[in-house]
Amino acid sequence: QARLVESGGGLVQAGGSLRLSCTASGRTLDNYAMGWFRQAPGKEREFVVAINWSGESAYFADSVKGRFTISRDNAKRTVYLQMNSLKSEDTAVYYCARRGLVTTNQAMGVSPKIYEYDIWGQGTQVTVSS
C-alpha cells in the first residue's frame, strides 16, 4: 500500500510563491494520475489540479489556472505543486491523492472527481497573508 506525505507548506505574503511536494512510499505511483486538493476552514475539500501518469497533461481548477503548475518525477515518486501569485483565498490545507478508484487504464488520466481518489496524504497547511 502506498503512503503519501506532503511537505512545503507555510506562511507567505500575498503575491508570493510556495512549492509543495508529495512523496510516495511503499509503492510507486507510475501508473496513476495524481491530484492536489485543498480544504479551507468551514469549507468542503475542493479540487485544485491533477496530472496524468506520465506528466504530459494536467487539468486545473479555474481558480488557480495561470498561477499554479504541477509536475512529477516518477523516479523520485514525487509530485510537485508550484504555487505563484498566491492570494488570501488560497489559504487552506493542501492534500495530494492518488486516482486509484477507477479502472487501470482510467487511473492514468486526469480527473477532478474527488471520489475517484483513494490514497491521501495528511495535508500541509498553506497560509497566505494579505
N, C-alpha and C. Protein backbone atom coordinates (compact mmCIF):
# COMPACT_ATOMS: atom_id res chain seq x y z
N GLN A 1 0.85 -1.19 0.00
CA GLN A 1 0.00 0.00 0.00
C GLN A 1 0.88 1.24 0.00
N ALA A 2 0.60 2.19 -0.92
CA ALA A 2 1.37 3.42 -0.98
C ALA A 2 0.94 4.36 0.14
N ARG A 3 1.87 5.14 0.59
CA ARG A 3 1.60 6.18 1.58
C ARG A 3 2.13 7.49 1.01
N LEU A 4 1.35 8.55 1.18
CA LEU A 4 1.70 9.85 0.62
C LEU A 4 2.01 10.84 1.73
N VAL A 5 3.06 11.61 1.54
CA VAL A 5 3.45 12.62 2.53
C VAL A 5 3.67 13.94 1.81
N GLU A 6 2.91 14.96 2.21
CA GLU A 6 3.06 16.30 1.65
C GLU A 6 4.04 17.11 2.49
N SER A 7 4.70 18.05 1.84
CA SER A 7 5.58 18.98 2.54
C SER A 7 5.67 20.27 1.74
N GLY A 8 6.22 21.30 2.39
CA GLY A 8 6.45 22.56 1.69
C GLY A 8 5.48 23.67 2.03
N GLY A 9 4.48 23.37 2.83
CA GLY A 9 3.54 24.41 3.21
C GLY A 9 4.17 25.43 4.14
N GLY A 10 3.44 26.51 4.38
CA GLY A 10 3.94 27.54 5.27
C GLY A 10 3.16 28.81 5.15
N LEU A 11 3.74 29.86 5.71
CA LEU A 11 3.13 31.20 5.70
C LEU A 11 3.83 32.05 4.65
N VAL A 12 3.05 32.69 3.80
CA VAL A 12 3.61 33.52 2.74
C VAL A 12 2.72 34.74 2.54
N GLN A 13 3.30 35.82 2.11
CA GLN A 13 2.54 37.03 1.83
C GLN A 13 1.83 36.90 0.49
N ALA A 14 0.75 37.61 0.36
CA ALA A 14 0.03 37.63 -0.91
C ALA A 14 0.98 38.07 -2.03
N GLY A 15 0.87 37.37 -3.14
CA GLY A 15 1.76 37.63 -4.27
C GLY A 15 3.00 36.76 -4.28
N GLY A 16 3.22 36.06 -3.18
CA GLY A 16 4.39 35.21 -3.06
C GLY A 16 4.18 33.83 -3.66
N SER A 17 5.18 32.97 -3.45
CA SER A 17 5.17 31.63 -4.04
C SER A 17 5.52 30.57 -3.00
N LEU A 18 5.01 29.38 -3.25
CA LEU A 18 5.38 28.22 -2.47
C LEU A 18 5.43 27.02 -3.41
N ARG A 19 6.24 26.05 -3.04
CA ARG A 19 6.30 24.80 -3.79
C ARG A 19 6.02 23.65 -2.84
N LEU A 20 4.94 22.94 -3.11
CA LEU A 20 4.59 21.78 -2.32
C LEU A 20 5.11 20.51 -2.99
N SER A 21 5.44 19.54 -2.16
CA SER A 21 5.88 18.24 -2.65
C SER A 21 4.99 17.16 -2.06
N CYS A 22 4.83 16.10 -2.80
CA CYS A 22 4.08 14.94 -2.35
C CYS A 22 4.90 13.72 -2.72
N THR A 23 5.39 13.02 -1.71
CA THR A 23 6.27 11.88 -1.95
C THR A 23 5.59 10.60 -1.48
N ALA A 24 5.71 9.58 -2.32
CA ALA A 24 5.09 8.30 -2.03
C ALA A 24 6.11 7.32 -1.47
N SER A 25 5.64 6.51 -0.56
CA SER A 25 6.46 5.42 -0.06
C SER A 25 5.62 4.15 -0.10
N GLY A 26 6.27 3.03 -0.13
CA GLY A 26 5.56 1.77 -0.14
C GLY A 26 5.35 1.21 -1.52
N ARG A 27 4.87 2.01 -2.43
CA ARG A 27 4.66 1.59 -3.81
C ARG A 27 4.90 2.77 -4.73
N THR A 28 5.18 2.48 -5.98
CA THR A 28 5.36 3.57 -6.93
C THR A 28 4.00 4.10 -7.38
N LEU A 29 4.02 5.26 -7.99
CA LEU A 29 2.80 5.88 -8.49
C LEU A 29 2.81 5.99 -10.00
N ASP A 30 3.71 5.21 -10.64
CA ASP A 30 3.95 5.38 -12.08
C ASP A 30 2.69 5.31 -12.92
N ASN A 31 1.78 4.45 -12.58
CA ASN A 31 0.63 4.20 -13.46
C ASN A 31 -0.64 4.93 -13.02
N TYR A 32 -0.46 5.92 -12.16
CA TYR A 32 -1.61 6.62 -11.63
C TYR A 32 -1.52 8.13 -11.86
N ALA A 33 -2.67 8.70 -12.21
CA ALA A 33 -2.76 10.16 -12.15
C ALA A 33 -2.76 10.57 -10.68
N MET A 34 -2.27 11.77 -10.43
CA MET A 34 -2.22 12.30 -9.08
C MET A 34 -2.93 13.65 -9.04
N GLY A 35 -3.53 13.93 -7.91
CA GLY A 35 -4.24 15.19 -7.79
C GLY A 35 -3.85 15.94 -6.53
N TRP A 36 -4.06 17.25 -6.59
CA TRP A 36 -3.95 18.11 -5.41
C TRP A 36 -5.33 18.67 -5.12
N PHE A 37 -5.69 18.63 -3.86
CA PHE A 37 -6.95 19.18 -3.38
C PHE A 37 -6.64 20.11 -2.22
N ARG A 38 -7.62 20.92 -1.84
CA ARG A 38 -7.42 21.78 -0.68
C ARG A 38 -8.71 21.95 0.08
N GLN A 39 -8.56 22.24 1.36
CA GLN A 39 -9.73 22.44 2.21
C GLN A 39 -9.49 23.62 3.13
N ALA A 40 -10.32 24.63 2.96
CA ALA A 40 -10.26 25.81 3.82
C ALA A 40 -11.18 25.60 5.02
N PRO A 41 -10.95 26.31 6.12
CA PRO A 41 -11.79 26.15 7.31
C PRO A 41 -13.27 26.38 6.99
N GLY A 42 -14.10 25.43 7.40
CA GLY A 42 -15.53 25.56 7.20
C GLY A 42 -16.02 25.27 5.80
N LYS A 43 -15.10 24.83 4.93
CA LYS A 43 -15.49 24.55 3.54
C LYS A 43 -15.19 23.10 3.19
N GLU A 44 -15.82 22.65 2.12
CA GLU A 44 -15.57 21.30 1.65
C GLU A 44 -14.22 21.23 0.93
N ARG A 45 -13.69 20.03 0.89
CA ARG A 45 -12.45 19.82 0.15
C ARG A 45 -12.73 20.02 -1.34
N GLU A 46 -11.83 20.74 -2.01
CA GLU A 46 -12.06 21.04 -3.41
C GLU A 46 -10.85 20.68 -4.26
N PHE A 47 -11.13 20.41 -5.52
CA PHE A 47 -10.10 20.06 -6.48
C PHE A 47 -9.26 21.28 -6.84
N VAL A 48 -7.94 21.05 -6.98
CA VAL A 48 -7.04 22.12 -7.40
C VAL A 48 -6.45 21.82 -8.77
N VAL A 49 -5.79 20.66 -8.88
CA VAL A 49 -5.14 20.31 -10.14
C VAL A 49 -4.83 18.82 -10.12
N ALA A 50 -4.78 18.22 -11.31
CA ALA A 50 -4.40 16.82 -11.45
C ALA A 50 -3.41 16.69 -12.60
N ILE A 51 -2.57 15.67 -12.50
CA ILE A 51 -1.57 15.41 -13.53
C ILE A 51 -1.66 13.94 -13.92
N ASN A 52 -1.51 13.66 -15.21
CA ASN A 52 -1.64 12.27 -15.63
C ASN A 52 -0.39 11.47 -15.27
N TRP A 53 -0.41 10.19 -15.54
CA TRP A 53 0.63 9.30 -15.07
C TRP A 53 2.02 9.67 -15.58
N SER A 54 2.11 10.19 -16.80
CA SER A 54 3.41 10.49 -17.40
C SER A 54 3.87 11.93 -17.16
N GLY A 55 2.95 12.76 -16.70
CA GLY A 55 3.30 14.16 -16.51
C GLY A 55 3.07 15.02 -17.74
N GLU A 56 2.49 14.43 -18.78
CA GLU A 56 2.34 15.16 -20.04
C GLU A 56 1.07 15.99 -20.11
N SER A 57 0.12 15.73 -19.25
CA SER A 57 -1.09 16.54 -19.28
C SER A 57 -1.56 16.82 -17.87
N ALA A 58 -2.25 17.95 -17.73
CA ALA A 58 -2.75 18.38 -16.43
C ALA A 58 -4.09 19.07 -16.62
N TYR A 59 -4.84 19.09 -15.54
CA TYR A 59 -6.15 19.74 -15.54
C TYR A 59 -6.25 20.61 -14.31
N PHE A 60 -6.57 21.89 -14.51
CA PHE A 60 -6.55 22.86 -13.43
C PHE A 60 -7.95 23.37 -13.10
N ALA A 61 -8.18 23.63 -11.84
CA ALA A 61 -9.38 24.37 -11.46
C ALA A 61 -9.24 25.79 -11.97
N ASP A 62 -10.35 26.39 -12.33
CA ASP A 62 -10.31 27.75 -12.87
C ASP A 62 -9.67 28.74 -11.91
N SER A 63 -9.85 28.50 -10.63
CA SER A 63 -9.36 29.44 -9.61
C SER A 63 -7.84 29.52 -9.55
N VAL A 64 -7.15 28.52 -10.06
CA VAL A 64 -5.69 28.50 -9.97
C VAL A 64 -5.02 28.52 -11.34
N LYS A 65 -5.80 28.49 -12.38
CA LYS A 65 -5.26 28.44 -13.73
C LYS A 65 -4.41 29.67 -13.99
N GLY A 66 -3.21 29.46 -14.53
CA GLY A 66 -2.30 30.55 -14.82
C GLY A 66 -1.40 30.93 -13.65
N ARG A 67 -1.71 30.42 -12.46
CA ARG A 67 -0.90 30.74 -11.27
C ARG A 67 -0.17 29.52 -10.73
N PHE A 68 -0.80 28.36 -10.83
CA PHE A 68 -0.23 27.12 -10.30
C PHE A 68 0.24 26.24 -11.45
N THR A 69 1.30 25.50 -11.20
CA THR A 69 1.74 24.47 -12.14
C THR A 69 1.98 23.18 -11.37
N ILE A 70 1.91 22.07 -12.07
CA ILE A 70 2.10 20.77 -11.45
C ILE A 70 3.10 19.98 -12.29
N SER A 71 3.90 19.18 -11.62
CA SER A 71 4.86 18.33 -12.31
C SER A 71 5.08 17.07 -11.47
N ARG A 72 5.74 16.11 -12.06
CA ARG A 72 6.02 14.89 -11.31
C ARG A 72 7.34 14.29 -11.77
N ASP A 73 7.97 13.60 -10.85
CA ASP A 73 9.21 12.87 -11.12
C ASP A 73 8.96 11.45 -10.63
N ASN A 74 8.60 10.57 -11.53
CA ASN A 74 8.25 9.21 -11.13
C ASN A 74 9.44 8.46 -10.54
N ALA A 75 10.63 8.77 -10.99
CA ALA A 75 11.81 8.11 -10.43
C ALA A 75 11.96 8.46 -8.95
N LYS A 76 11.56 9.66 -8.58
CA LYS A 76 11.64 10.09 -7.18
C LYS A 76 10.32 9.88 -6.45
N ARG A 77 9.32 9.35 -7.16
CA ARG A 77 7.99 9.11 -6.56
C ARG A 77 7.42 10.39 -5.97
N THR A 78 7.62 11.49 -6.65
CA THR A 78 7.23 12.78 -6.10
C THR A 78 6.44 13.60 -7.11
N VAL A 79 5.41 14.25 -6.61
CA VAL A 79 4.60 15.19 -7.39
C VAL A 79 4.78 16.57 -6.76
N TYR A 80 4.91 17.58 -7.61
CA TYR A 80 5.16 18.94 -7.14
C TYR A 80 4.00 19.86 -7.52
N LEU A 81 3.72 20.80 -6.64
CA LEU A 81 2.75 21.84 -6.94
C LEU A 81 3.43 23.18 -6.72
N GLN A 82 3.68 23.89 -7.79
CA GLN A 82 4.27 25.22 -7.72
C GLN A 82 3.15 26.24 -7.71
N MET A 83 3.10 27.03 -6.66
CA MET A 83 2.03 28.00 -6.49
C MET A 83 2.63 29.40 -6.54
N ASN A 84 2.22 30.18 -7.52
CA ASN A 84 2.71 31.55 -7.69
C ASN A 84 1.54 32.53 -7.54
N SER A 85 1.87 33.78 -7.35
CA SER A 85 0.87 34.85 -7.23
C SER A 85 -0.21 34.44 -6.23
N LEU A 86 0.21 33.99 -5.08
CA LEU A 86 -0.74 33.49 -4.09
C LEU A 86 -1.66 34.59 -3.58
N LYS A 87 -2.89 34.19 -3.30
CA LYS A 87 -3.91 35.09 -2.80
C LYS A 87 -4.39 34.58 -1.44
N SER A 88 -5.03 35.45 -0.69
CA SER A 88 -5.52 35.06 0.63
C SER A 88 -6.52 33.91 0.52
N GLU A 89 -7.26 33.87 -0.58
CA GLU A 89 -8.25 32.80 -0.75
C GLU A 89 -7.61 31.45 -1.07
N ASP A 90 -6.29 31.41 -1.26
CA ASP A 90 -5.61 30.14 -1.44
C ASP A 90 -5.28 29.49 -0.09
N THR A 91 -5.52 30.19 0.99
CA THR A 91 -5.26 29.64 2.32
C THR A 91 -6.10 28.40 2.56
N ALA A 92 -5.43 27.29 2.88
CA ALA A 92 -6.12 26.01 3.07
C ALA A 92 -5.09 24.96 3.46
N VAL A 93 -5.60 23.80 3.84
CA VAL A 93 -4.75 22.61 3.95
C VAL A 93 -4.75 21.95 2.58
N TYR A 94 -3.58 21.66 2.06
CA TYR A 94 -3.44 21.07 0.75
C TYR A 94 -3.11 19.59 0.87
N TYR A 95 -3.84 18.79 0.10
CA TYR A 95 -3.69 17.35 0.13
C TYR A 95 -3.33 16.83 -1.26
N CYS A 96 -2.46 15.84 -1.31
CA CYS A 96 -2.27 15.13 -2.57
C CYS A 96 -2.95 13.77 -2.45
N ALA A 97 -3.30 13.22 -3.60
CA ALA A 97 -4.04 11.96 -3.61
C ALA A 97 -3.78 11.21 -4.90
N ARG A 98 -3.98 9.90 -4.81
CA ARG A 98 -3.82 9.02 -5.96
C ARG A 98 -5.17 8.69 -6.55
N ARG A 99 -5.26 8.77 -7.87
CA ARG A 99 -6.52 8.43 -8.54
C ARG A 99 -6.57 6.93 -8.74
N GLY A 100 -7.01 6.22 -7.69
CA GLY A 100 -6.97 4.77 -7.73
C GLY A 100 -8.31 4.08 -7.77
N LEU A 101 -9.41 4.80 -7.66
CA LEU A 101 -10.73 4.16 -7.59
C LEU A 101 -11.41 4.11 -8.96
N VAL A 102 -10.61 3.79 -9.98
CA VAL A 102 -11.12 3.64 -11.34
C VAL A 102 -10.40 2.45 -11.95
N THR A 103 -10.71 2.15 -13.20
CA THR A 103 -10.02 1.03 -13.86
C THR A 103 -8.55 1.36 -14.07
N THR A 104 -7.78 0.34 -14.39
CA THR A 104 -6.33 0.51 -14.57
C THR A 104 -6.02 1.55 -15.65
N ASN A 105 -6.71 1.49 -16.76
CA ASN A 105 -6.46 2.45 -17.84
C ASN A 105 -6.94 3.85 -17.46
N GLN A 106 -8.09 3.94 -16.82
CA GLN A 106 -8.62 5.24 -16.43
C GLN A 106 -7.72 5.91 -15.40
N ALA A 107 -7.06 5.13 -14.57
CA ALA A 107 -6.25 5.69 -13.48
C ALA A 107 -5.09 6.53 -13.99
N MET A 108 -4.73 6.35 -15.25
CA MET A 108 -3.61 7.09 -15.80
C MET A 108 -3.99 8.51 -16.17
N GLY A 109 -5.28 8.77 -16.38
CA GLY A 109 -5.73 10.07 -16.86
C GLY A 109 -6.20 10.97 -15.74
N VAL A 110 -6.29 12.27 -16.05
CA VAL A 110 -6.64 13.26 -15.03
C VAL A 110 -8.14 13.32 -14.80
N SER A 111 -8.50 13.76 -13.60
CA SER A 111 -9.91 13.91 -13.24
C SER A 111 -10.03 14.81 -12.04
N PRO A 112 -11.07 15.64 -11.98
CA PRO A 112 -11.30 16.50 -10.81
C PRO A 112 -12.23 15.86 -9.78
N LYS A 113 -12.67 14.62 -10.04
CA LYS A 113 -13.68 13.98 -9.19
C LYS A 113 -13.04 13.41 -7.94
N ILE A 114 -13.32 14.01 -6.84
CA ILE A 114 -12.67 13.64 -5.58
C ILE A 114 -12.91 12.19 -5.19
N TYR A 115 -14.08 11.65 -5.55
CA TYR A 115 -14.41 10.28 -5.14
C TYR A 115 -13.64 9.23 -5.91
N GLU A 116 -12.85 9.64 -6.91
CA GLU A 116 -12.04 8.69 -7.67
C GLU A 116 -10.64 8.53 -7.08
N TYR A 117 -10.36 9.26 -6.01
CA TYR A 117 -9.04 9.23 -5.40
C TYR A 117 -9.08 8.41 -4.12
N ASP A 118 -8.15 7.49 -3.97
CA ASP A 118 -8.24 6.56 -2.86
C ASP A 118 -7.20 6.77 -1.77
N ILE A 119 -5.98 7.04 -2.11
CA ILE A 119 -4.94 7.22 -1.10
C ILE A 119 -4.63 8.71 -0.96
N TRP A 120 -4.65 9.19 0.27
CA TRP A 120 -4.49 10.61 0.59
C TRP A 120 -3.34 10.83 1.56
N GLY A 121 -2.67 11.96 1.40
CA GLY A 121 -1.69 12.35 2.37
C GLY A 121 -2.35 13.01 3.57
N GLN A 122 -1.53 13.42 4.54
CA GLN A 122 -2.06 14.00 5.77
C GLN A 122 -2.33 15.50 5.62
N GLY A 123 -1.83 16.09 4.55
CA GLY A 123 -2.07 17.50 4.28
C GLY A 123 -0.95 18.40 4.79
N THR A 124 -0.82 19.55 4.16
CA THR A 124 0.14 20.56 4.58
C THR A 124 -0.54 21.93 4.53
N GLN A 125 -0.34 22.70 5.57
CA GLN A 125 -1.04 23.98 5.69
C GLN A 125 -0.36 25.06 4.86
N VAL A 126 -1.15 25.78 4.09
CA VAL A 126 -0.68 26.95 3.35
C VAL A 126 -1.49 28.14 3.84
N THR A 127 -0.80 29.16 4.33
CA THR A 127 -1.46 30.36 4.81
C THR A 127 -0.91 31.56 4.06
N VAL A 128 -1.80 32.30 3.42
CA VAL A 128 -1.42 33.48 2.65
C VAL A 128 -1.94 34.71 3.37
N SER A 129 -1.03 35.56 3.78
CA SER A 129 -1.42 36.78 4.50
C SER A 129 -1.57 37.94 3.51
N SER A 130 -2.59 38.73 3.73
CA SER A 130 -2.84 39.85 2.83
C SER A 130 -2.28 41.15 3.38
